[in-house]
Amino acid sequence: MNFSVQLLLSSVVKILIALCVIAVICLIDPSYVTAYININYEIVIIYVFSALTLLYCVVSIVMYLMMSRKEGRVTTNHSIAEVIFSLAQVIAWLIVLGVGGTISQRTIIESGETFGWIGALSGVIVGSFLLIAAIFIINVIPSLYPFYSCYILSIVFISGDKREDSL
């Protein structure tokens, strides 16, 4: 079974994301959800984005396992799809971050700390999805812009060594 390093790293990050999403779902207190009717739609937004994220993580890990049985390498189409889905999840969890922050400010006495933790976990999830997008954009840039990718990689890896020689 050939398993690409990108698929392995992405799978580990998606397992971390799934654990953070489960923690977010556990932090939403059912008594708080039923007590405050005016913010019920915000809680529903958190539940919807959490469910979609869990579905995405599970389906993509199963897809990685199926891909590793066939070829074991990542194609450009797969990389573009992962970048698009990861950045869509970044937008969704930034909304959850804002919802958690506003509810935390409004209800600081009752459950401000809980929604503060939801906001913090949302920030971790956003960072994780940005990491997944960065992992897969490495495949997209060389296939679309071969000259620029070599130039960018030479700037990143070689420029650090040249600074001491200029003195």
Protein backbone atom coordinates (compact mmCIF):
# COMPACT_ATOMS: atom_id res chain seq x y z
CA MET A 1 0.00 0.00 0.00
CA ASN A 2 1.65 3.23 -1.17
CA PHE A 3 0.69 6.16 1.00
CA SER A 4 1.79 9.66 0.04
CA VAL A 5 3.31 11.92 2.68
CA GLN A 6 0.77 14.61 1.82
CA LEU A 7 -2.12 12.22 2.36
CA LEU A 8 -0.65 11.02 5.64
CA LEU A 9 -0.11 14.56 6.98
CA SER A 10 -3.56 15.61 5.85
CA SER A 11 -5.13 12.57 7.52
CA VAL A 12 -3.42 13.35 10.82
CA VAL A 13 -4.54 16.98 10.66
CA LYS A 14 -8.10 15.92 9.82
CA ILE A 15 -8.19 13.59 12.82
CA LEU A 16 -7.11 16.56 14.97
CA ILE A 17 -9.87 18.65 13.38
CA ALA A 18 -12.46 15.95 14.06
CA LEU A 19 -11.43 15.83 17.73
CA CYS A 20 -11.69 19.63 18.00
CA VAL A 21 -15.13 19.59 16.35
CA ILE A 22 -16.34 16.92 18.78
CA ALA A 23 -15.09 19.12 21.63
CA VAL A 24 -17.01 22.10 20.19
CA ILE A 25 -20.20 20.03 20.03
CA CYS A 26 -19.68 18.89 23.63
CA LEU A 27 -19.17 22.48 24.81
CA ILE A 28 -22.61 23.57 23.61
CA ASP A 29 -24.77 23.17 26.69
CA PRO A 30 -28.31 21.89 25.93
CA SER A 31 -29.84 23.92 28.77
CA TYR A 32 -28.27 27.07 27.37
CA VAL A 33 -29.53 26.30 23.88
CA THR A 34 -33.13 25.91 25.05
CA ALA A 35 -33.07 28.84 27.50
CA TYR A 36 -32.15 31.61 25.07
CA ILE A 37 -34.50 31.62 22.11
CA ASN A 38 -33.06 34.74 20.46
CA ILE A 39 -29.67 33.14 19.76
CA ASN A 40 -30.95 29.73 18.73
CA TYR A 41 -30.12 30.34 15.07
CA GLU A 42 -26.48 30.99 16.01
CA ILE A 43 -26.32 27.66 17.82
CA VAL A 44 -27.84 25.96 14.77
CA ILE A 45 -25.10 27.51 12.61
CA ILE A 46 -22.47 25.96 14.88
CA TYR A 47 -24.20 22.57 14.71
CA VAL A 48 -24.52 22.69 10.90
CA PHE A 49 -20.88 23.64 10.32
CA SER A 50 -19.75 21.02 12.84
CA ALA A 51 -21.74 18.29 11.09
CA LEU A 52 -20.44 19.30 7.66
CA THR A 53 -16.87 19.36 8.93
CA LEU A 54 -17.15 15.90 10.48
CA LEU A 55 -18.67 14.56 7.26
CA TYR A 56 -15.89 16.13 5.18
CA CYS A 57 -13.14 14.75 7.42
CA VAL A 58 -14.50 11.20 7.47
CA VAL A 59 -15.23 11.07 3.73
CA SER A 60 -11.84 12.49 2.77
CA ILE A 61 -9.94 10.05 5.01
CA VAL A 62 -11.87 7.14 3.45
CA MET A 63 -11.06 8.59 0.03
CA TYR A 64 -7.36 8.78 0.97
CA LEU A 65 -7.41 5.11 1.93
CA MET A 66 -9.01 4.21 -1.40
CA MET A 67 -6.46 6.31 -3.30
CA SER A 68 -3.55 4.70 -1.49
CA ARG A 69 -4.73 1.26 -2.61
CA LYS A 70 -4.72 2.31 -6.28
CA GLU A 71 -1.86 4.68 -6.98
CA GLY A 72 -0.61 6.22 -3.77
CA ARG A 73 0.02 9.63 -5.30
CA VAL A 74 -1.91 12.87 -5.26
CA THR A 75 -3.28 14.21 -8.53
CA THR A 76 -3.71 17.86 -9.44
CA ASN A 77 -7.51 17.58 -9.48
CA HIS A 78 -7.49 16.11 -6.00
CA SER A 79 -5.19 18.88 -4.79
CA ILE A 80 -7.40 21.61 -6.23
CA ALA A 81 -10.50 20.04 -4.64
CA GLU A 82 -8.78 19.81 -1.25
CA VAL A 83 -7.65 23.44 -1.42
CA ILE A 84 -11.17 24.61 -2.32
CA PHE A 85 -12.87 22.53 0.39
CA SER A 86 -10.29 23.52 3.00
CA LEU A 87 -10.69 27.21 2.28
CA ALA A 88 -14.49 26.85 2.36
CA GLN A 89 -14.15 25.28 5.80
CA VAL A 90 -11.92 28.19 6.85
CA ILE A 91 -14.73 30.59 5.96
CA ALA A 92 -17.30 28.48 7.83
CA TRP A 93 -15.22 28.24 10.98
CA LEU A 94 -14.42 31.95 10.91
CA ILE A 95 -18.19 32.46 11.09
CA VAL A 96 -18.32 30.07 14.07
CA LEU A 97 -15.45 32.00 15.64
CA GLY A 98 -17.43 35.22 15.31
CA VAL A 99 -20.59 33.61 16.67
CA GLY A 100 -18.71 32.23 19.66
CA GLY A 101 -17.14 35.61 20.34
CA THR A 102 -20.39 37.56 20.18
CA ILE A 103 -22.29 35.09 22.35
CA SER A 104 -19.40 35.11 24.82
CA GLN A 105 -19.57 38.91 25.07
CA ARG A 106 -23.37 38.98 25.40
CA THR A 107 -23.63 36.30 28.07
CA ILE A 108 -20.41 36.78 29.97
CA ILE A 109 -21.91 35.74 33.32
CA GLU A 110 -23.88 32.64 32.31
CA SER A 111 -21.76 30.96 29.67
CA GLY A 112 -19.16 33.39 28.41
CA GLU A 113 -16.30 31.06 29.22
CA THR A 114 -17.85 28.17 27.31
CA PHE A 115 -18.33 30.17 24.14
CA GLY A 116 -14.86 31.63 24.57
CA TRP A 117 -13.50 28.09 24.42
CA ILE A 118 -15.65 27.43 21.35
CA GLY A 119 -14.04 30.48 19.75
CA ALA A 120 -10.56 29.25 20.69
CA LEU A 121 -11.22 25.79 19.25
CA SER A 122 -12.58 27.44 16.10
CA GLY A 123 -9.29 29.28 15.75
CA VAL A 124 -7.38 25.99 16.02
CA ILE A 125 -9.66 24.45 13.39
CA VAL A 126 -9.12 27.42 11.05
CA GLY A 127 -5.36 27.07 11.41
CA SER A 128 -5.58 23.34 10.73
CA PHE A 129 -7.58 23.87 7.54
CA LEU A 130 -5.07 26.48 6.40
CA LEU A 131 -2.35 23.88 6.96
CA ILE A 132 -4.24 21.37 4.81
CA ALA A 133 -4.63 23.99 2.06
CA ALA A 134 -0.90 24.72 2.23
CA ILE A 135 -0.04 21.01 2.03
CA PHE A 136 -2.05 20.55 -1.15
CA ILE A 137 -1.24 23.85 -2.82
CA ILE A 138 2.31 22.53 -3.16
CA ASN A 139 0.94 20.25 -5.93
CA VAL A 140 -1.15 22.93 -7.62
CA ILE A 141 1.50 25.64 -8.10
CA PRO A 142 4.07 23.56 -10.06
CA SER A 143 1.44 22.16 -12.42
CA LEU A 144 -0.09 25.55 -13.22
CA TYR A 145 3.02 27.75 -13.16
CA PRO A 146 6.14 25.62 -13.61
CA PHE A 147 8.57 28.54 -14.01
CA TYR A 148 7.26 30.52 -11.06
CA SER A 149 7.22 27.52 -8.74
CA CYS A 150 10.94 26.94 -9.30
CA TYR A 151 11.56 30.62 -8.69
CA ILE A 152 9.48 30.62 -5.48
CA LEU A 153 11.18 27.48 -4.17
CA SER A 154 14.62 28.94 -4.91
CA ILE A 155 13.72 32.10 -2.97
CA VAL A 156 12.46 30.10 -0.01
CA PHE A 157 15.31 27.60 0.25
CA ILE A 158 18.35 29.47 -1.07
CA SER A 159 17.91 33.06 0.10
CA GLY A 160 18.67 32.25 3.75
CA ASP A 161 22.21 31.07 2.93
CA LYS A 162 23.25 34.12 0.86
CA ARG A 163 22.88 36.76 3.58
CA GLU A 164 26.13 35.99 5.43
CA ASP A 165 28.20 36.08 2.21
CA SER A 166 27.19 39.67 1.44
CA LEU A 167 29.02 41.05 4.52
